[in-house]
Amino acid sequence: MDPELLNSERRILQLLIVEGGRLPQSQLVERTRWSDSTISRTLCRMETQGRIERFQLGSGKCVVLPQDEE
């Protein structure tokens, strides 16, 4: 993993890898026990950097690893 990753980003990437590259955002909140706003800010930063992608899934969002990182 990239040494420049923040610990929060590293934790999210680890969870995504363990779950096959895809996880609802609500599950990230539940598994990390971080607030919705902390997860949202971290995911926004990661999405801007191209580390993850998010898409609407029902009333929530799903977080996925980009195809080239799976």
PDB file of N, CA and C in Angstrom:
ATOM      1  N   MET A   1       0.822  -1.190   0.000  1.00  0.00           N
ATOM      2  CA  MET A   1       0.000   0.000   0.000  1.00  0.00           C
ATOM      3  C   MET A   1       0.864   1.250   0.000  1.00  0.00           C
ATOM      4  N   ASP A   2       0.314   2.295  -0.556  1.00  0.00           N
ATOM      5  CA  ASP A   2       1.006   3.574  -0.669  1.00  0.00           C
ATOM      6  C   ASP A   2       1.361   4.124   0.713  1.00  0.00           C
ATOM      7  N   PRO A   3       2.639   4.430   0.965  1.00  0.00           N
ATOM      8  CA  PRO A   3       3.038   4.943   2.280  1.00  0.00           C
ATOM      9  C   PRO A   3       2.475   6.329   2.590  1.00  0.00           C
ATOM     10  N   GLU A   4       1.984   7.043   1.575  1.00  0.00           N
ATOM     11  CA  GLU A   4       1.421   8.371   1.800  1.00  0.00           C
ATOM     12  C   GLU A   4      -0.028   8.335   2.266  1.00  0.00           C
ATOM     13  N   LEU A   5      -0.621   7.153   2.303  1.00  0.00           N
ATOM     14  CA  LEU A   5      -2.006   7.036   2.757  1.00  0.00           C
ATOM     15  C   LEU A   5      -2.119   7.402   4.228  1.00  0.00           C
ATOM     16  N   LEU A   6      -3.177   8.093   4.563  1.00  0.00           N
ATOM     17  CA  LEU A   6      -3.481   8.347   5.963  1.00  0.00           C
ATOM     18  C   LEU A   6      -3.988   7.048   6.586  1.00  0.00           C
ATOM     19  N   ASN A   7      -3.889   6.920   7.894  1.00  0.00           N
ATOM     20  CA  ASN A   7      -4.365   5.708   8.557  1.00  0.00           C
ATOM     21  C   ASN A   7      -5.833   5.438   8.269  1.00  0.00           C
ATOM     22  N   SER A   8      -6.651   6.479   8.226  1.00  0.00           N
ATOM     23  CA  SER A   8      -8.076   6.294   7.949  1.00  0.00           C
ATOM     24  C   SER A   8      -8.290   5.755   6.535  1.00  0.00           C
ATOM     25  N   GLU A   9      -7.539   6.259   5.576  1.00  0.00           N
ATOM     26  CA  GLU A   9      -7.646   5.777   4.201  1.00  0.00           C
ATOM     27  C   GLU A   9      -7.170   4.332   4.105  1.00  0.00           C
ATOM     28  N   ARG A  10      -6.104   4.026   4.777  1.00  0.00           N
ATOM     29  CA  ARG A  10      -5.564   2.665   4.776  1.00  0.00           C
ATOM     30  C   ARG A  10      -6.601   1.686   5.340  1.00  0.00           C
ATOM     31  N   ARG A  11      -7.255   2.074   6.432  1.00  0.00           N
ATOM     32  CA  ARG A  11      -8.269   1.214   7.059  1.00  0.00           C
ATOM     33  C   ARG A  11      -9.429   0.952   6.098  1.00  0.00           C
ATOM     34  N   ILE A  12      -9.879   1.974   5.411  1.00  0.00           N
ATOM     35  CA  ILE A  12     -10.978   1.811   4.461  1.00  0.00           C
ATOM     36  C   ILE A  12     -10.558   0.905   3.312  1.00  0.00           C
ATOM     37  N   LEU A  13      -9.368   1.100   2.779  1.00  0.00           N
ATOM     38  CA  LEU A  13      -8.893   0.243   1.692  1.00  0.00           C
ATOM     39  C   LEU A  13      -8.771  -1.211   2.142  1.00  0.00           C
ATOM     40  N   GLN A  14      -8.297  -1.435   3.354  1.00  0.00           N
ATOM     41  CA  GLN A  14      -8.192  -2.799   3.875  1.00  0.00           C
ATOM     42  C   GLN A  14      -9.562  -3.457   3.954  1.00  0.00           C
ATOM     43  N   LEU A  15     -10.556  -2.733   4.455  1.00  0.00           N
ATOM     44  CA  LEU A  15     -11.912  -3.282   4.535  1.00  0.00           C
ATOM     45  C   LEU A  15     -12.456  -3.599   3.146  1.00  0.00           C
ATOM     46  N   LEU A  16     -12.221  -2.716   2.195  1.00  0.00           N
ATOM     47  CA  LEU A  16     -12.697  -2.955   0.835  1.00  0.00           C
ATOM     48  C   LEU A  16     -12.024  -4.179   0.219  1.00  0.00           C
ATOM     49  N   ILE A  17     -10.737  -4.329   0.431  1.00  0.00           N
ATOM     50  CA  ILE A  17     -10.012  -5.479  -0.118  1.00  0.00           C
ATOM     51  C   ILE A  17     -10.547  -6.777   0.469  1.00  0.00           C
ATOM     52  N   VAL A  18     -10.749  -6.804   1.781  1.00  0.00           N
ATOM     53  CA  VAL A  18     -11.270  -8.005   2.454  1.00  0.00           C
ATOM     54  C   VAL A  18     -12.656  -8.364   1.922  1.00  0.00           C
ATOM     55  N   GLU A  19     -13.457  -7.361   1.581  1.00  0.00           N
ATOM     56  CA  GLU A  19     -14.828  -7.583   1.113  1.00  0.00           C
ATOM     57  C   GLU A  19     -14.930  -7.695  -0.408  1.00  0.00           C
ATOM     58  N   GLY A  20     -13.833  -7.914  -1.078  1.00  0.00           N
ATOM     59  CA  GLY A  20     -13.876  -8.128  -2.517  1.00  0.00           C
ATOM     60  C   GLY A  20     -13.970  -6.857  -3.348  1.00  0.00           C
ATOM     61  N   GLY A  21     -13.662  -5.712  -2.740  1.00  0.00           N
ATOM     62  CA  GLY A  21     -13.609  -4.470  -3.500  1.00  0.00           C
ATOM     63  C   GLY A  21     -14.867  -3.640  -3.494  1.00  0.00           C
ATOM     64  N   ARG A  22     -15.888  -4.061  -2.725  1.00  0.00           N
ATOM     65  CA  ARG A  22     -17.165  -3.329  -2.734  1.00  0.00           C
ATOM     66  C   ARG A  22     -17.827  -3.422  -1.370  1.00  0.00           C
ATOM     67  N   LEU A  23     -18.337  -2.279  -0.889  1.00  0.00           N
ATOM     68  CA  LEU A  23     -18.991  -2.255   0.419  1.00  0.00           C
ATOM     69  C   LEU A  23     -19.912  -1.040   0.489  1.00  0.00           C
ATOM     70  N   PRO A  24     -21.135  -1.212   1.011  1.00  0.00           N
ATOM     71  CA  PRO A  24     -21.987  -0.040   1.217  1.00  0.00           C
ATOM     72  C   PRO A  24     -21.325   0.931   2.195  1.00  0.00           C
ATOM     73  N   GLN A  25     -21.494   2.217   1.960  1.00  0.00           N
ATOM     74  CA  GLN A  25     -20.898   3.225   2.829  1.00  0.00           C
ATOM     75  C   GLN A  25     -21.377   3.048   4.269  1.00  0.00           C
ATOM     76  N   SER A  26     -22.624   2.652   4.456  1.00  0.00           N
ATOM     77  CA  SER A  26     -23.159   2.442   5.810  1.00  0.00           C
ATOM     78  C   SER A  26     -22.410   1.336   6.543  1.00  0.00           C
ATOM     79  N   GLN A  27     -21.935   0.326   5.811  1.00  0.00           N
ATOM     80  CA  GLN A  27     -21.154  -0.748   6.427  1.00  0.00           C
ATOM     81  C   GLN A  27     -19.782  -0.246   6.868  1.00  0.00           C
ATOM     82  N   LEU A  28     -19.215   0.685   6.121  1.00  0.00           N
ATOM     83  CA  LEU A  28     -17.939   1.280   6.539  1.00  0.00           C
ATOM     84  C   LEU A  28     -18.113   2.037   7.850  1.00  0.00           C
ATOM     85  N   VAL A  29     -19.221   2.758   7.979  1.00  0.00           N
ATOM     86  CA  VAL A  29     -19.506   3.479   9.224  1.00  0.00           C
ATOM     87  C   VAL A  29     -19.631   2.483  10.373  1.00  0.00           C
ATOM     88  N   GLU A  30     -20.381   1.417  10.134  1.00  0.00           N
ATOM     89  CA  GLU A  30     -20.608   0.407  11.175  1.00  0.00           C
ATOM     90  C   GLU A  30     -19.315  -0.302  11.578  1.00  0.00           C
ATOM     91  N   ARG A  31     -18.526  -0.694  10.614  1.00  0.00           N
ATOM     92  CA  ARG A  31     -17.319  -1.481  10.907  1.00  0.00           C
ATOM     93  C   ARG A  31     -16.176  -0.664  11.496  1.00  0.00           C
ATOM     94  N   THR A  32     -16.097   0.601  11.115  1.00  0.00           N
ATOM     95  CA  THR A  32     -15.027   1.439  11.665  1.00  0.00           C
ATOM     96  C   THR A  32     -15.441   2.114  12.965  1.00  0.00           C
ATOM     97  N   ARG A  33     -16.744   2.239  13.163  1.00  0.00           N
ATOM     98  CA  ARG A  33     -17.310   2.972  14.311  1.00  0.00           C
ATOM     99  C   ARG A  33     -16.943   4.452  14.270  1.00  0.00           C
ATOM    100  N   TRP A  34     -16.735   4.953  13.054  1.00  0.00           N
ATOM    101  CA  TRP A  34     -16.485   6.373  12.851  1.00  0.00           C
ATOM    102  C   TRP A  34     -17.815   7.041  12.533  1.00  0.00           C
ATOM    103  N   SER A  35     -17.880   8.352  12.679  1.00  0.00           N
ATOM    104  CA  SER A  35     -19.111   9.082  12.377  1.00  0.00           C
ATOM    105  C   SER A  35     -19.353   9.113  10.865  1.00  0.00           C
ATOM    106  N   ASP A  36     -20.626   9.351  10.506  1.00  0.00           N
ATOM    107  CA  ASP A  36     -20.976   9.486   9.091  1.00  0.00           C
ATOM    108  C   ASP A  36     -20.144  10.580   8.426  1.00  0.00           C
ATOM    109  N   SER A  37     -19.963  11.695   9.136  1.00  0.00           N
ATOM    110  CA  SER A  37     -19.232  12.817   8.536  1.00  0.00           C
ATOM    111  C   SER A  37     -17.750  12.495   8.342  1.00  0.00           C
ATOM    112  N   THR A  38     -17.152  11.761   9.279  1.00  0.00           N
ATOM    113  CA  THR A  38     -15.741  11.368   9.137  1.00  0.00           C
ATOM    114  C   THR A  38     -15.564  10.453   7.935  1.00  0.00           C
ATOM    115  N   ILE A  39     -16.444   9.463   7.811  1.00  0.00           N
ATOM    116  CA  ILE A  39     -16.390   8.547   6.663  1.00  0.00           C
ATOM    117  C   ILE A  39     -16.595   9.330   5.371  1.00  0.00           C
ATOM    118  N   SER A  40     -17.592  10.189   5.349  1.00  0.00           N
ATOM    119  CA  SER A  40     -17.901  10.946   4.140  1.00  0.00           C
ATOM    120  C   SER A  40     -16.727  11.822   3.703  1.00  0.00           C
ATOM    121  N   ARG A  41     -16.113  12.531   4.642  1.00  0.00           N
ATOM    122  CA  ARG A  41     -14.956  13.383   4.305  1.00  0.00           C
ATOM    123  C   ARG A  41     -13.786  12.547   3.785  1.00  0.00           C
ATOM    124  N   THR A  42     -13.528  11.436   4.450  1.00  0.00           N
ATOM    125  CA  THR A  42     -12.416  10.573   4.035  1.00  0.00           C
ATOM    126  C   THR A  42     -12.674   9.998   2.650  1.00  0.00           C
ATOM    127  N   LEU A  43     -13.901   9.530   2.406  1.00  0.00           N
ATOM    128  CA  LEU A  43     -14.236   8.962   1.101  1.00  0.00           C
ATOM    129  C   LEU A  43     -14.194  10.022   0.005  1.00  0.00           C
ATOM    130  N   CYS A  44     -14.622  11.223   0.321  1.00  0.00           N
ATOM    131  CA  CYS A  44     -14.565  12.318  -0.658  1.00  0.00           C
ATOM    132  C   CYS A  44     -13.116  12.567  -1.075  1.00  0.00           C
ATOM    133  N   ARG A  45     -12.228  12.620  -0.104  1.00  0.00           N
ATOM    134  CA  ARG A  45     -10.798  12.829  -0.382  1.00  0.00           C
ATOM    135  C   ARG A  45     -10.255  11.666  -1.229  1.00  0.00           C
ATOM    136  N   MET A  46     -10.613  10.447  -0.858  1.00  0.00           N
ATOM    137  CA  MET A  46     -10.124   9.271  -1.582  1.00  0.00           C
ATOM    138  C   MET A  46     -10.675   9.220  -3.003  1.00  0.00           C
ATOM    139  N   GLU A  47     -11.929   9.638  -3.164  1.00  0.00           N
ATOM    140  CA  GLU A  47     -12.542   9.650  -4.492  1.00  0.00           C
ATOM    141  C   GLU A  47     -11.849  10.681  -5.385  1.00  0.00           C
ATOM    142  N   THR A  48     -11.541  11.840  -4.835  1.00  0.00           N
ATOM    143  CA  THR A  48     -10.829  12.883  -5.577  1.00  0.00           C
ATOM    144  C   THR A  48      -9.453  12.389  -6.021  1.00  0.00           C
ATOM    145  N   GLN A  49      -8.808  11.589  -5.179  1.00  0.00           N
ATOM    146  CA  GLN A  49      -7.485  11.043  -5.487  1.00  0.00           C
ATOM    147  C   GLN A  49      -7.560   9.835  -6.422  1.00  0.00           C
ATOM    148  N   GLY A  50      -8.764   9.351  -6.716  1.00  0.00           N
ATOM    149  CA  GLY A  50      -8.933   8.198  -7.594  1.00  0.00           C
ATOM    150  C   GLY A  50      -8.715   6.863  -6.911  1.00  0.00           C
ATOM    151  N   ARG A  51      -8.681   6.847  -5.586  1.00  0.00           N
ATOM    152  CA  ARG A  51      -8.440   5.603  -4.846  1.00  0.00           C
ATOM    153  C   ARG A  51      -9.696   4.743  -4.724  1.00  0.00           C
ATOM    154  N   ILE A  52     -10.866   5.384  -4.723  1.00  0.00           N
ATOM    155  CA  ILE A  52     -12.141   4.667  -4.659  1.00  0.00           C
ATOM    156  C   ILE A  52     -13.122   5.350  -5.600  1.00  0.00           C
ATOM    157  N   GLU A  53     -14.249   4.671  -5.831  1.00  0.00           N
ATOM    158  CA  GLU A  53     -15.368   5.251  -6.571  1.00  0.00           C
ATOM    159  C   GLU A  53     -16.611   5.020  -5.729  1.00  0.00           C
ATOM    160  N   ARG A  54     -17.579   5.918  -5.842  1.00  0.00           N
ATOM    161  CA  ARG A  54     -18.848   5.757  -5.128  1.00  0.00           C
ATOM    162  C   ARG A  54     -19.993   5.898  -6.112  1.00  0.00           C
ATOM    163  N   PHE A  55     -21.064   5.147  -5.870  1.00  0.00           N
ATOM    164  CA  PHE A  55     -22.270   5.298  -6.665  1.00  0.00           C
ATOM    165  C   PHE A  55     -23.479   5.094  -5.773  1.00  0.00           C
ATOM    166  N   GLN A  56     -24.599   5.649  -6.217  1.00  0.00           N
ATOM    167  CA  GLN A  56     -25.837   5.560  -5.460  1.00  0.00           C
ATOM    168  C   GLN A  56     -26.331   4.123  -5.459  1.00  0.00           C
ATOM    169  N   LEU A  57     -26.747   3.641  -4.293  1.00  0.00           N
ATOM    170  CA  LEU A  57     -27.285   2.289  -4.144  1.00  0.00           C
ATOM    171  C   LEU A  57     -28.512   2.397  -3.252  1.00  0.00           C
ATOM    172  N   GLY A  58     -29.683   2.474  -3.868  1.00  0.00           N
ATOM    173  CA  GLY A  58     -30.901   2.680  -3.095  1.00  0.00           C
ATOM    174  C   GLY A  58     -30.853   4.034  -2.418  1.00  0.00           C
ATOM    175  N   SER A  59     -31.032   4.036  -1.101  1.00  0.00           N
ATOM    176  CA  SER A  59     -31.008   5.303  -0.368  1.00  0.00           C
ATOM    177  C   SER A  59     -29.611   5.662   0.133  1.00  0.00           C
ATOM    178  N   GLY A  60     -28.635   4.804  -0.116  1.00  0.00           N
ATOM    179  CA  GLY A  60     -27.265   5.051   0.341  1.00  0.00           C
ATOM    180  C   GLY A  60     -26.286   5.024  -0.815  1.00  0.00           C
ATOM    181  N   LYS A  61     -25.022   4.896  -0.473  1.00  0.00           N
ATOM    182  CA  LYS A  61     -23.967   4.836  -1.486  1.00  0.00           C
ATOM    183  C   LYS A  61     -23.154   3.568  -1.301  1.00  0.00           C
ATOM    184  N   CYS A  62     -22.622   3.083  -2.413  1.00  0.00           N
ATOM    185  CA  CYS A  62     -21.731   1.934  -2.394  1.00  0.00           C
ATOM    186  C   CYS A  62     -20.335   2.431  -2.748  1.00  0.00           C
ATOM    187  N   VAL A  63     -19.349   1.913  -2.054  1.00  0.00           N
ATOM    188  CA  VAL A  63     -17.952   2.295  -2.264  1.00  0.00           C
ATOM    189  C   VAL A  63     -17.251   1.121  -2.933  1.00  0.00           C
ATOM    190  N   VAL A  64     -16.534   1.388  -4.004  1.00  0.00           N
ATOM    191  CA  VAL A  64     -15.832   0.328  -4.726  1.00  0.00           C
ATOM    192  C   VAL A  64     -14.400   0.750  -5.029  1.00  0.00           C
ATOM    193  N   LEU A  65     -13.548  -0.247  -5.154  1.00  0.00           N
ATOM    194  CA  LEU A  65     -12.190   0.002  -5.626  1.00  0.00           C
ATOM    195  C   LEU A  65     -12.241   0.156  -7.136  1.00  0.00           C
ATOM    196  N   PRO A  66     -11.468   1.067  -7.703  1.00  0.00           N
ATOM    197  CA  PRO A  66     -11.419   1.181  -9.163  1.00  0.00           C
ATOM    198  C   PRO A  66     -10.961  -0.146  -9.770  1.00  0.00           C
ATOM    199  N   GLN A  67     -11.383  -0.423 -10.976  1.00  0.00           N
ATOM    200  CA  GLN A  67     -11.086  -1.694 -11.639  1.00  0.00           C
ATOM    201  C   GLN A  67      -9.605  -2.033 -11.656  1.00  0.00           C
ATOM    202  N   ASP A  68      -8.739  -1.055 -11.859  1.00  0.00           N
ATOM    203  CA  ASP A  68      -7.308  -1.346 -11.968  1.00  0.00           C
ATOM    204  C   ASP A  68      -6.661  -1.672 -10.629  1.00  0.00           C
ATOM    205  N   GLU A  69      -7.384  -1.522  -9.492  1.00  0.00           N
ATOM    206  CA  GLU A  69      -6.813  -1.819  -8.180  1.00  0.00           C
ATOM    207  C   GLU A  69      -7.350  -3.115  -7.591  1.00  0.00           C
ATOM    208  N   GLU A  70      -8.328  -3.732  -8.222  1.00  0.00           N
ATOM    209  CA  GLU A  70      -8.905  -4.966  -7.673  1.00  0.00           C
ATOM    210  C   GLU A  70      -8.011  -6.147  -7.911  1.00  0.00           C
TER     211      GLU A  70
END
